[in-house]
Amino acid sequence: MTCPQCNHAVPAKSLWTRAGFSSVVCPYCHTSLCPTAGRAILLFVISFGLGDAVLELLRRNGVGLSLAFAGFFVVFVAVNAVLAPLVLRLRLKGSGSEPHLTGHKA
């Protein structure tokens, strides 16, 4: 992942904050960044799909629901951690097609 402002590489550890992907900050130019919506959705779909496949596989092999859910969670987090730096593309926070409601009267 690279910063669109300064074109330096943003380390993957910048993604793992308490606020999640919504508060990524470039360590070089200190610009607030966020992932593009399409790529974030793609990452979620891949992670959820593989987690669900593991859940179904474990349930069909007779594993209890709580253990199968734990398997889903572990796979979901692991796939998210591995693929996030590869799949996500960052954009400047506040840019794009976000709706702005300030100054509008109902």
PDB file of N, CA and C in Angstrom:
ATOM      1  N   MET A   1       0.845  -1.163   0.000  1.00  0.00           N
ATOM      2  CA  MET A   1       0.000   0.000   0.000  1.00  0.00           C
ATOM      3  C   MET A   1       0.893   1.230   0.000  1.00  0.00           C
ATOM      4  N   THR A   2       0.505   2.194  -0.780  1.00  0.00           N
ATOM      5  CA  THR A   2       1.263   3.434  -0.821  1.00  0.00           C
ATOM      6  C   THR A   2       0.352   4.612  -0.490  1.00  0.00           C
ATOM      7  N   CYS A   3       0.952   5.643   0.055  1.00  0.00           N
ATOM      8  CA  CYS A   3       0.231   6.869   0.375  1.00  0.00           C
ATOM      9  C   CYS A   3       0.000   7.646  -0.921  1.00  0.00           C
ATOM     10  N   PRO A   4      -1.239   8.040  -1.217  1.00  0.00           N
ATOM     11  CA  PRO A   4      -1.479   8.803  -2.440  1.00  0.00           C
ATOM     12  C   PRO A   4      -0.930  10.230  -2.368  1.00  0.00           C
ATOM     13  N   GLN A   5      -0.593  10.695  -1.188  1.00  0.00           N
ATOM     14  CA  GLN A   5      -0.077  12.053  -1.013  1.00  0.00           C
ATOM     15  C   GLN A   5       1.430  12.118  -1.290  1.00  0.00           C
ATOM     16  N   CYS A   6       2.208  11.217  -0.654  1.00  0.00           N
ATOM     17  CA  CYS A   6       3.672  11.286  -0.774  1.00  0.00           C
ATOM     18  C   CYS A   6       4.279  10.098  -1.524  1.00  0.00           C
ATOM     19  N   ASN A   7       3.477   9.102  -1.876  1.00  0.00           N
ATOM     20  CA  ASN A   7       3.897   7.897  -2.609  1.00  0.00           C
ATOM     21  C   ASN A   7       4.904   7.030  -1.859  1.00  0.00           C
ATOM     22  N   HIS A   8       4.984   7.164  -0.537  1.00  0.00           N
ATOM     23  CA  HIS A   8       5.784   6.259   0.274  1.00  0.00           C
ATOM     24  C   HIS A   8       4.933   5.044   0.642  1.00  0.00           C
ATOM     25  N   ALA A   9       5.604   3.948   0.929  1.00  0.00           N
ATOM     26  CA  ALA A   9       4.902   2.746   1.355  1.00  0.00           C
ATOM     27  C   ALA A   9       4.361   2.936   2.770  1.00  0.00           C
ATOM     28  N   VAL A  10       3.105   2.567   2.959  1.00  0.00           N
ATOM     29  CA  VAL A  10       2.485   2.609   4.287  1.00  0.00           C
ATOM     30  C   VAL A  10       2.600   1.207   4.869  1.00  0.00           C
ATOM     31  N   PRO A  11       3.250   1.048   6.035  1.00  0.00           N
ATOM     32  CA  PRO A  11       3.421  -0.293   6.601  1.00  0.00           C
ATOM     33  C   PRO A  11       2.083  -0.920   6.993  1.00  0.00           C
ATOM     34  N   ALA A  12       2.031  -2.233   6.901  1.00  0.00           N
ATOM     35  CA  ALA A  12       0.797  -2.956   7.218  1.00  0.00           C
ATOM     36  C   ALA A  12       0.383  -2.767   8.666  1.00  0.00           C
ATOM     37  N   LYS A  13       1.346  -2.533   9.560  1.00  0.00           N
ATOM     38  CA  LYS A  13       0.989  -2.356  10.969  1.00  0.00           C
ATOM     39  C   LYS A  13       0.178  -1.083  11.187  1.00  0.00           C
ATOM     40  N   SER A  14       0.186  -0.165  10.237  1.00  0.00           N
ATOM     41  CA  SER A  14      -0.624   1.051  10.350  1.00  0.00           C
ATOM     42  C   SER A  14      -2.117   0.758  10.248  1.00  0.00           C
ATOM     43  N   LEU A  15      -2.469  -0.396   9.678  1.00  0.00           N
ATOM     44  CA  LEU A  15      -3.877  -0.777   9.551  1.00  0.00           C
ATOM     45  C   LEU A  15      -4.468  -1.274  10.855  1.00  0.00           C
ATOM     46  N   TRP A  16      -3.629  -1.808  11.726  1.00  0.00           N
ATOM     47  CA  TRP A  16      -4.126  -2.460  12.926  1.00  0.00           C
ATOM     48  C   TRP A  16      -4.105  -1.503  14.110  1.00  0.00           C
ATOM     49  N   THR A  17      -5.111  -0.648  14.167  1.00  0.00           N
ATOM     50  CA  THR A  17      -5.303   0.276  15.273  1.00  0.00           C
ATOM     51  C   THR A  17      -6.648  -0.027  15.919  1.00  0.00           C
ATOM     52  N   ARG A  18      -6.908   0.602  17.057  1.00  0.00           N
ATOM     53  CA  ARG A  18      -8.200   0.378  17.721  1.00  0.00           C
ATOM     54  C   ARG A  18      -9.360   0.884  16.891  1.00  0.00           C
ATOM     55  N   ALA A  19      -9.122   1.893  16.080  1.00  0.00           N
ATOM     56  CA  ALA A  19     -10.192   2.449  15.246  1.00  0.00           C
ATOM     57  C   ALA A  19     -10.356   1.689  13.939  1.00  0.00           C
ATOM     58  N   GLY A  20      -9.526   0.694  13.703  1.00  0.00           N
ATOM     59  CA  GLY A  20      -9.653  -0.104  12.497  1.00  0.00           C
ATOM     60  C   GLY A  20      -9.094   0.609  11.280  1.00  0.00           C
ATOM     61  N   PHE A  21      -9.652   0.304  10.122  1.00  0.00           N
ATOM     62  CA  PHE A  21      -9.163   0.867   8.869  1.00  0.00           C
ATOM     63  C   PHE A  21      -9.531   2.335   8.702  1.00  0.00           C
ATOM     64  N   SER A  22     -10.382   2.869   9.576  1.00  0.00           N
ATOM     65  CA  SER A  22     -10.864   4.230   9.385  1.00  0.00           C
ATOM     66  C   SER A  22      -9.879   5.300   9.827  1.00  0.00           C
ATOM     67  N   SER A  23      -8.811   4.927  10.486  1.00  0.00           N
ATOM     68  CA  SER A  23      -7.868   5.946  10.971  1.00  0.00           C
ATOM     69  C   SER A  23      -6.424   5.589  10.632  1.00  0.00           C
ATOM     70  N   VAL A  24      -6.159   5.283   9.377  1.00  0.00           N
ATOM     71  CA  VAL A  24      -4.802   4.993   8.934  1.00  0.00           C
ATOM     72  C   VAL A  24      -4.091   6.328   8.706  1.00  0.00           C
ATOM     73  N   VAL A  25      -2.873   6.443   9.228  1.00  0.00           N
ATOM     74  CA  VAL A  25      -2.090   7.670   9.075  1.00  0.00           C
ATOM     75  C   VAL A  25      -0.749   7.306   8.441  1.00  0.00           C
ATOM     76  N   CYS A  26      -0.378   8.046   7.411  1.00  0.00           N
ATOM     77  CA  CYS A  26       0.911   7.838   6.760  1.00  0.00           C
ATOM     78  C   CYS A  26       2.016   8.245   7.732  1.00  0.00           C
ATOM     79  N   PRO A  27       3.006   7.375   7.990  1.00  0.00           N
ATOM     80  CA  PRO A  27       4.069   7.722   8.931  1.00  0.00           C
ATOM     81  C   PRO A  27       5.044   8.764   8.383  1.00  0.00           C
ATOM     82  N   TYR A  28       5.015   9.035   7.092  1.00  0.00           N
ATOM     83  CA  TYR A  28       5.948   9.985   6.488  1.00  0.00           C
ATOM     84  C   TYR A  28       5.370  11.397   6.410  1.00  0.00           C
ATOM     85  N   CYS A  29       4.166  11.541   5.861  1.00  0.00           N
ATOM     86  CA  CYS A  29       3.589  12.882   5.701  1.00  0.00           C
ATOM     87  C   CYS A  29       2.442  13.148   6.678  1.00  0.00           C
ATOM     88  N   HIS A  30       2.098  12.161   7.511  1.00  0.00           N
ATOM     89  CA  HIS A  30       1.069  12.272   8.546  1.00  0.00           C
ATOM     90  C   HIS A  30      -0.305  12.645   7.982  1.00  0.00           C
ATOM     91  N   THR A  31      -0.603  12.175   6.779  1.00  0.00           N
ATOM     92  CA  THR A  31      -1.894  12.397   6.154  1.00  0.00           C
ATOM     93  C   THR A  31      -2.865  11.316   6.607  1.00  0.00           C
ATOM     94  N   SER A  32      -4.097  11.702   6.895  1.00  0.00           N
ATOM     95  CA  SER A  32      -5.129  10.731   7.259  1.00  0.00           C
ATOM     96  C   SER A  32      -5.615  10.028   5.992  1.00  0.00           C
ATOM     97  N   LEU A  33      -5.634   8.709   6.056  1.00  0.00           N
ATOM     98  CA  LEU A  33      -6.003   7.897   4.904  1.00  0.00           C
ATOM     99  C   LEU A  33      -7.110   6.930   5.281  1.00  0.00           C
ATOM    100  N   CYS A  34      -7.822   6.447   4.287  1.00  0.00           N
ATOM    101  CA  CYS A  34      -8.805   5.377   4.489  1.00  0.00           C
ATOM    102  C   CYS A  34      -8.834   4.529   3.225  1.00  0.00           C
ATOM    103  N   PRO A  35      -9.234   3.260   3.338  1.00  0.00           N
ATOM    104  CA  PRO A  35      -9.260   2.405   2.162  1.00  0.00           C
ATOM    105  C   PRO A  35     -10.404   2.787   1.234  1.00  0.00           C
ATOM    106  N   THR A  36     -10.230   2.481  -0.052  1.00  0.00           N
ATOM    107  CA  THR A  36     -11.318   2.701  -0.996  1.00  0.00           C
ATOM    108  C   THR A  36     -12.431   1.711  -0.684  1.00  0.00           C
ATOM    109  N   ALA A  37     -13.653   2.130  -0.897  1.00  0.00           N
ATOM    110  CA  ALA A  37     -14.813   1.319  -0.504  1.00  0.00           C
ATOM    111  C   ALA A  37     -14.858  -0.010  -1.234  1.00  0.00           C
ATOM    112  N   GLY A  38     -14.615  -0.008  -2.520  1.00  0.00           N
ATOM    113  CA  GLY A  38     -14.684  -1.250  -3.295  1.00  0.00           C
ATOM    114  C   GLY A  38     -13.688  -2.291  -2.835  1.00  0.00           C
ATOM    115  N   ARG A  39     -12.479  -1.850  -2.545  1.00  0.00           N
ATOM    116  CA  ARG A  39     -11.451  -2.783  -2.086  1.00  0.00           C
ATOM    117  C   ARG A  39     -11.750  -3.293  -0.679  1.00  0.00           C
ATOM    118  N   ALA A  40     -12.294  -2.435   0.186  1.00  0.00           N
ATOM    119  CA  ALA A  40     -12.646  -2.865   1.537  1.00  0.00           C
ATOM    120  C   ALA A  40     -13.761  -3.912   1.489  1.00  0.00           C
ATOM    121  N   ILE A  41     -14.736  -3.704   0.601  1.00  0.00           N
ATOM    122  CA  ILE A  41     -15.824  -4.677   0.439  1.00  0.00           C
ATOM    123  C   ILE A  41     -15.279  -5.990  -0.104  1.00  0.00           C
ATOM    124  N   LEU A  42     -14.376  -5.907  -1.085  1.00  0.00           N
ATOM    125  CA  LEU A  42     -13.773  -7.119  -1.641  1.00  0.00           C
ATOM    126  C   LEU A  42     -13.030  -7.907  -0.567  1.00  0.00           C
ATOM    127  N   LEU A  43     -12.275  -7.216   0.271  1.00  0.00           N
ATOM    128  CA  LEU A  43     -11.555  -7.883   1.358  1.00  0.00           C
ATOM    129  C   LEU A  43     -12.525  -8.564   2.317  1.00  0.00           C
ATOM    130  N   PHE A  44     -13.619  -7.872   2.672  1.00  0.00           N
ATOM    131  CA  PHE A  44     -14.608  -8.462   3.563  1.00  0.00           C
ATOM    132  C   PHE A  44     -15.252  -9.700   2.938  1.00  0.00           C
ATOM    133  N   VAL A  45     -15.619  -9.619   1.668  1.00  0.00           N
ATOM    134  CA  VAL A  45     -16.277 -10.752   1.000  1.00  0.00           C
ATOM    135  C   VAL A  45     -15.351 -11.967   0.950  1.00  0.00           C
ATOM    136  N   ILE A  46     -14.087 -11.751   0.622  1.00  0.00           N
ATOM    137  CA  ILE A  46     -13.132 -12.866   0.576  1.00  0.00           C
ATOM    138  C   ILE A  46     -12.954 -13.471   1.970  1.00  0.00           C
ATOM    139  N   SER A  47     -12.745 -12.617   2.971  1.00  0.00           N
ATOM    140  CA  SER A  47     -12.543 -13.103   4.341  1.00  0.00           C
ATOM    141  C   SER A  47     -13.766 -13.843   4.853  1.00  0.00           C
ATOM    142  N   PHE A  48     -14.952 -13.263   4.633  1.00  0.00           N
ATOM    143  CA  PHE A  48     -16.178 -13.885   5.106  1.00  0.00           C
ATOM    144  C   PHE A  48     -16.440 -15.187   4.361  1.00  0.00           C
ATOM    145  N   GLY A  49     -16.201 -15.199   3.063  1.00  0.00           N
ATOM    146  CA  GLY A  49     -16.432 -16.415   2.268  1.00  0.00           C
ATOM    147  C   GLY A  49     -15.555 -17.571   2.712  1.00  0.00           C
ATOM    148  N   LEU A  50     -14.278 -17.306   2.922  1.00  0.00           N
ATOM    149  CA  LEU A  50     -13.388 -18.373   3.375  1.00  0.00           C
ATOM    150  C   LEU A  50     -13.710 -18.803   4.808  1.00  0.00           C
ATOM    151  N   GLY A  51     -14.067 -17.839   5.653  1.00  0.00           N
ATOM    152  CA  GLY A  51     -14.475 -18.187   7.016  1.00  0.00           C
ATOM    153  C   GLY A  51     -15.734 -19.039   7.019  1.00  0.00           C
ATOM    154  N   ASP A  52     -16.694 -18.681   6.177  1.00  0.00           N
ATOM    155  CA  ASP A  52     -17.935 -19.452   6.083  1.00  0.00           C
ATOM    156  C   ASP A  52     -17.674 -20.855   5.533  1.00  0.00           C
ATOM    157  N   ALA A  53     -16.752 -20.969   4.589  1.00  0.00           N
ATOM    158  CA  ALA A  53     -16.410 -22.293   4.056  1.00  0.00           C
ATOM    159  C   ALA A  53     -15.834 -23.176   5.151  1.00  0.00           C
ATOM    160  N   VAL A  54     -14.984 -22.617   5.997  1.00  0.00           N
ATOM    161  CA  VAL A  54     -14.413 -23.384   7.114  1.00  0.00           C
ATOM    162  C   VAL A  54     -15.514 -23.747   8.113  1.00  0.00           C
ATOM    163  N   LEU A  55     -16.411 -22.803   8.398  1.00  0.00           N
ATOM    164  CA  LEU A  55     -17.531 -23.079   9.307  1.00  0.00           C
ATOM    165  C   LEU A  55     -18.365 -24.246   8.792  1.00  0.00           C
ATOM    166  N   GLU A  56     -18.727 -24.225   7.521  1.00  0.00           N
ATOM    167  CA  GLU A  56     -19.526 -25.305   6.942  1.00  0.00           C
ATOM    168  C   GLU A  56     -18.769 -26.630   6.944  1.00  0.00           C
ATOM    169  N   LEU A  57     -17.488 -26.582   6.624  1.00  0.00           N
ATOM    170  CA  LEU A  57     -16.678 -27.796   6.613  1.00  0.00           C
ATOM    171  C   LEU A  57     -16.592 -28.422   8.004  1.00  0.00           C
ATOM    172  N   LEU A  58     -16.384 -27.581   9.009  1.00  0.00           N
ATOM    173  CA  LEU A  58     -16.315 -28.092  10.378  1.00  0.00           C
ATOM    174  C   LEU A  58     -17.663 -28.637  10.842  1.00  0.00           C
ATOM    175  N   ARG A  59     -18.745 -27.956  10.512  1.00  0.00           N
ATOM    176  CA  ARG A  59     -20.078 -28.429  10.921  1.00  0.00           C
ATOM    177  C   ARG A  59     -20.425 -29.759  10.246  1.00  0.00           C
ATOM    178  N   ARG A  60     -20.047 -29.936   8.988  1.00  0.00           N
ATOM    179  CA  ARG A  60     -20.340 -31.187   8.288  1.00  0.00           C
ATOM    180  C   ARG A  60     -19.518 -32.351   8.820  1.00  0.00           C
ATOM    181  N   ASN A  61     -18.395 -32.031   9.441  1.00  0.00           N
ATOM    182  CA  ASN A  61     -17.562 -33.083  10.028  1.00  0.00           C
ATOM    183  C   ASN A  61     -17.886 -33.343  11.488  1.00  0.00           C
ATOM    184  N   GLY A  62     -18.996 -32.801  11.972  1.00  0.00           N
ATOM    185  CA  GLY A  62     -19.482 -33.112  13.296  1.00  0.00           C
ATOM    186  C   GLY A  62     -18.911 -32.279  14.429  1.00  0.00           C
ATOM    187  N   VAL A  63     -18.276 -31.191  14.124  1.00  0.00           N
ATOM    188  CA  VAL A  63     -17.720 -30.326  15.166  1.00  0.00           C
ATOM    189  C   VAL A  63     -18.854 -29.489  15.748  1.00  0.00           C
ATOM    190  N   GLY A  64     -18.799 -29.216  17.044  1.00  0.00           N
ATOM    191  CA  GLY A  64     -19.819 -28.413  17.697  1.00  0.00           C
ATOM    192  C   GLY A  64     -19.858 -26.990  17.159  1.00  0.00           C
ATOM    193  N   LEU A  65     -21.000 -26.339  17.367  1.00  0.00           N
ATOM    194  CA  LEU A  65     -21.210 -25.004  16.819  1.00  0.00           C
ATOM    195  C   LEU A  65     -20.215 -23.983  17.384  1.00  0.00           C
ATOM    196  N   SER A  66     -19.945 -24.051  18.675  1.00  0.00           N
ATOM    197  CA  SER A  66     -19.029 -23.061  19.259  1.00  0.00           C
ATOM    198  C   SER A  66     -17.618 -23.212  18.705  1.00  0.00           C
ATOM    199  N   LEU A  67     -17.152 -24.428  18.524  1.00  0.00           N
ATOM    200  CA  LEU A  67     -15.825 -24.655  17.967  1.00  0.00           C
ATOM    201  C   LEU A  67     -15.787 -24.291  16.477  1.00  0.00           C
ATOM    202  N   ALA A  68     -16.874 -24.581  15.771  1.00  0.00           N
ATOM    203  CA  ALA A  68     -16.951 -24.209  14.359  1.00  0.00           C
ATOM    204  C   ALA A  68     -16.941 -22.691  14.199  1.00  0.00           C
ATOM    205  N   PHE A  69     -17.642 -21.983  15.088  1.00  0.00           N
ATOM    206  CA  PHE A  69     -17.633 -20.526  15.028  1.00  0.00           C
ATOM    207  C   PHE A  69     -16.245 -19.981  15.344  1.00  0.00           C
ATOM    208  N   ALA A  70     -15.556 -20.604  16.286  1.00  0.00           N
ATOM    209  CA  ALA A  70     -14.181 -20.192  16.586  1.00  0.00           C
ATOM    210  C   ALA A  70     -13.285 -20.385  15.359  1.00  0.00           C
ATOM    211  N   GLY A  71     -13.490 -21.470  14.625  1.00  0.00           N
ATOM    212  CA  GLY A  71     -12.745 -21.692  13.383  1.00  0.00           C
ATOM    213  C   GLY A  71     -13.049 -20.624  12.348  1.00  0.00           C
ATOM    214  N   PHE A  72     -14.337 -20.245  12.236  1.00  0.00           N
ATOM    215  CA  PHE A  72     -14.729 -19.163  11.332  1.00  0.00           C
ATOM    216  C   PHE A  72     -14.002 -17.878  11.697  1.00  0.00           C
ATOM    217  N   PHE A  73     -14.010 -17.537  12.981  1.00  0.00           N
ATOM    218  CA  PHE A  73     -13.406 -16.299  13.448  1.00  0.00           C
ATOM    219  C   PHE A  73     -11.904 -16.279  13.182  1.00  0.00           C
ATOM    220  N   VAL A  74     -11.222 -17.391  13.466  1.00  0.00           N
ATOM    221  CA  VAL A  74      -9.771 -17.470  13.261  1.00  0.00           C
ATOM    222  C   VAL A  74      -9.440 -17.307  11.782  1.00  0.00           C
ATOM    223  N   VAL A  75     -10.179 -17.981  10.909  1.00  0.00           N
ATOM    224  CA  VAL A  75      -9.917 -17.880   9.468  1.00  0.00           C
ATOM    225  C   VAL A  75     -10.239 -16.478   8.965  1.00  0.00           C
ATOM    226  N   PHE A  76     -11.344 -15.896   9.414  1.00  0.00           N
ATOM    227  CA  PHE A  76     -11.727 -14.544   8.996  1.00  0.00           C
ATOM    228  C   PHE A  76     -10.630 -13.538   9.351  1.00  0.00           C
ATOM    229  N   VAL A  77     -10.133 -13.590  10.582  1.00  0.00           N
ATOM    230  CA  VAL A  77      -9.099 -12.653  11.022  1.00  0.00           C
ATOM    231  C   VAL A  77      -7.781 -12.909  10.302  1.00  0.00           C
ATOM    232  N   ALA A  78      -7.419 -14.175  10.126  1.00  0.00           N
ATOM    233  CA  ALA A  78      -6.154 -14.504   9.469  1.00  0.00           C
ATOM    234  C   ALA A  78      -6.157 -14.061   8.000  1.00  0.00           C
ATOM    235  N   VAL A  79      -7.244 -14.323   7.292  1.00  0.00           N
ATOM    236  CA  VAL A  79      -7.338 -13.911   5.889  1.00  0.00           C
ATOM    237  C   VAL A  79      -7.328 -12.391   5.790  1.00  0.00           C
ATOM    238  N   ASN A  80      -8.032 -11.733   6.706  1.00  0.00           N
ATOM    239  CA  ASN A  80      -8.049 -10.271   6.730  1.00  0.00           C
ATOM    240  C   ASN A  80      -6.638  -9.732   6.954  1.00  0.00           C
ATOM    241  N   ALA A  81      -5.898 -10.320   7.888  1.00  0.00           N
ATOM    242  CA  ALA A  81      -4.553  -9.855   8.206  1.00  0.00           C
ATOM    243  C   ALA A  81      -3.587 -10.069   7.048  1.00  0.00           C
ATOM    244  N   VAL A  82      -3.711 -11.191   6.368  1.00  0.00           N
ATOM    245  CA  VAL A  82      -2.782 -11.503   5.285  1.00  0.00           C
ATOM    246  C   VAL A  82      -3.113 -10.707   4.021  1.00  0.00           C
ATOM    247  N   LEU A  83      -4.386 -10.600   3.688  1.00  0.00           N
ATOM    248  CA  LEU A  83      -4.766  -9.970   2.431  1.00  0.00           C
ATOM    249  C   LEU A  83      -4.935  -8.453   2.493  1.00  0.00           C
ATOM    250  N   ALA A  84      -5.106  -7.883   3.683  1.00  0.00           N
ATOM    251  CA  ALA A  84      -5.330  -6.431   3.776  1.00  0.00           C
ATOM    252  C   ALA A  84      -4.220  -5.625   3.106  1.00  0.00           C
ATOM    253  N   PRO A  85      -2.944  -5.903   3.370  1.00  0.00           N
ATOM    254  CA  PRO A  85      -1.910  -5.112   2.689  1.00  0.00           C
ATOM    255  C   PRO A  85      -1.860  -5.343   1.179  1.00  0.00           C
ATOM    256  N   LEU A  86      -2.335  -6.491   0.725  1.00  0.00           N
ATOM    257  CA  LEU A  86      -2.289  -6.807  -0.701  1.00  0.00           C
ATOM    258  C   LEU A  86      -3.494  -6.272  -1.471  1.00  0.00           C
ATOM    259  N   VAL A  87      -4.663  -6.270  -0.837  1.00  0.00           N
ATOM    260  CA  VAL A  87      -5.903  -5.933  -1.536  1.00  0.00           C
ATOM    261  C   VAL A  87      -6.259  -4.454  -1.405  1.00  0.00           C
ATOM    262  N   LEU A  88      -6.075  -3.890  -0.220  1.00  0.00           N
ATOM    263  CA  LEU A  88      -6.544  -2.530   0.023  1.00  0.00           C
ATOM    264  C   LEU A  88      -5.727  -1.491  -0.730  1.00  0.00           C
ATOM    265  N   ARG A  89      -6.428  -0.459  -1.200  1.00  0.00           N
ATOM    266  CA  ARG A  89      -5.812   0.727  -1.777  1.00  0.00           C
ATOM    267  C   ARG A  89      -6.274   1.913  -0.944  1.00  0.00           C
ATOM    268  N   LEU A  90      -5.358   2.791  -0.607  1.00  0.00           N
ATOM    269  CA  LEU A  90      -5.686   3.904   0.264  1.00  0.00           C
ATOM    270  C   LEU A  90      -6.000   5.161  -0.541  1.00  0.00           C
ATOM    271  N   ARG A  91      -6.865   5.999   0.034  1.00  0.00           N
ATOM    272  CA  ARG A  91      -7.171   7.305  -0.538  1.00  0.00           C
ATOM    273  C   ARG A  91      -7.133   8.316   0.593  1.00  0.00           C
ATOM    274  N   LEU A  92      -7.058   9.589   0.241  1.00  0.00           N
ATOM    275  CA  LEU A  92      -7.070  10.630   1.254  1.00  0.00           C
ATOM    276  C   LEU A  92      -8.408  10.619   1.973  1.00  0.00           C
ATOM    277  N   LYS A  93      -8.367  10.712   3.279  1.00  0.00           N
ATOM    278  CA  LYS A  93      -9.599  10.706   4.053  1.00  0.00           C
ATOM    279  C   LYS A  93     -10.357  12.001   3.793  1.00  0.00           C
ATOM    280  N   GLY A  94     -11.628  11.881   3.532  1.00  0.00           N
ATOM    281  CA  GLY A  94     -12.454  13.051   3.243  1.00  0.00           C
ATOM    282  C   GLY A  94     -12.599  13.307   1.757  1.00  0.00           C
ATOM    283  N   SER A  95     -11.784  12.670   0.920  1.00  0.00           N
ATOM    284  CA  SER A  95     -11.954  12.841  -0.520  1.00  0.00           C
ATOM    285  C   SER A  95     -12.872  11.755  -1.044  1.00  0.00           C
ATOM    286  N   GLY A  96     -13.387  11.958  -2.205  1.00  0.00           N
ATOM    287  CA  GLY A  96     -14.284  10.967  -2.800  1.00  0.00           C
ATOM    288  C   GLY A  96     -15.712  11.434  -2.778  1.00  0.00           C
ATOM    289  N   SER A  97     -16.606  10.505  -2.821  1.00  0.00           N
ATOM    290  CA  SER A  97     -18.019  10.842  -2.943  1.00  0.00           C
ATOM    291  C   SER A  97     -18.756  10.696  -1.618  1.00  0.00           C
ATOM    292  N   GLU A  98     -18.170  11.243  -0.546  1.00  0.00           N
ATOM    293  CA  GLU A  98     -18.844  11.205   0.738  1.00  0.00           C
ATOM    294  C   GLU A  98     -19.908  12.295   0.780  1.00  0.00           C
ATOM    295  N   PRO A  99     -21.096  12.013   1.284  1.00  0.00           N
ATOM    296  CA  PRO A  99     -22.114  13.057   1.368  1.00  0.00           C
ATOM    297  C   PRO A  99     -21.769  14.080   2.444  1.00  0.00           C
ATOM    298  N   HIS A 100     -21.969  15.331   2.152  1.00  0.00           N
ATOM    299  CA  HIS A 100     -21.722  16.404   3.100  1.00  0.00           C
ATOM    300  C   HIS A 100     -23.052  17.062   3.425  1.00  0.00           C
ATOM    301  N   LEU A 101     -23.426  17.055   4.685  1.00  0.00           N
ATOM    302  CA  LEU A 101     -24.719  17.580   5.092  1.00  0.00           C
ATOM    303  C   LEU A 101     -24.628  18.961   5.743  1.00  0.00           C
ATOM    304  N   THR A 102     -23.421  19.477   5.889  1.00  0.00           N
ATOM    305  CA  THR A 102     -23.284  20.777   6.535  1.00  0.00           C
ATOM    306  C   THR A 102     -23.797  21.876   5.614  1.00  0.00           C
ATOM    307  N   GLY A 103     -24.553  22.801   6.187  1.00  0.00           N
ATOM    308  CA  GLY A 103     -25.063  23.924   5.424  1.00  0.00           C
ATOM    309  C   GLY A 103     -26.348  23.638   4.663  1.00  0.00           C
ATOM    310  N   HIS A 104     -26.876  22.438   4.777  1.00  0.00           N
ATOM    311  CA  HIS A 104     -28.115  22.090   4.080  1.00  0.00           C
ATOM    312  C   HIS A 104     -29.288  22.172   5.038  1.00  0.00           C
ATOM    313  N   LYS A 105     -30.381  22.688   4.562  1.00  0.00           N
ATOM    314  CA  LYS A 105     -31.576  22.755   5.385  1.00  0.00           C
ATOM    315  C   LYS A 105     -32.572  21.710   4.922  1.00  0.00           C
ATOM    316  N   ALA A 106     -33.254  21.106   5.876  1.00  0.00           N
ATOM    317  CA  ALA A 106     -34.203  20.057   5.544  1.00  0.00           C
ATOM    318  C   ALA A 106     -35.501  20.624   5.025  1.00  0.00           C
TER     319      ALA A 106
END
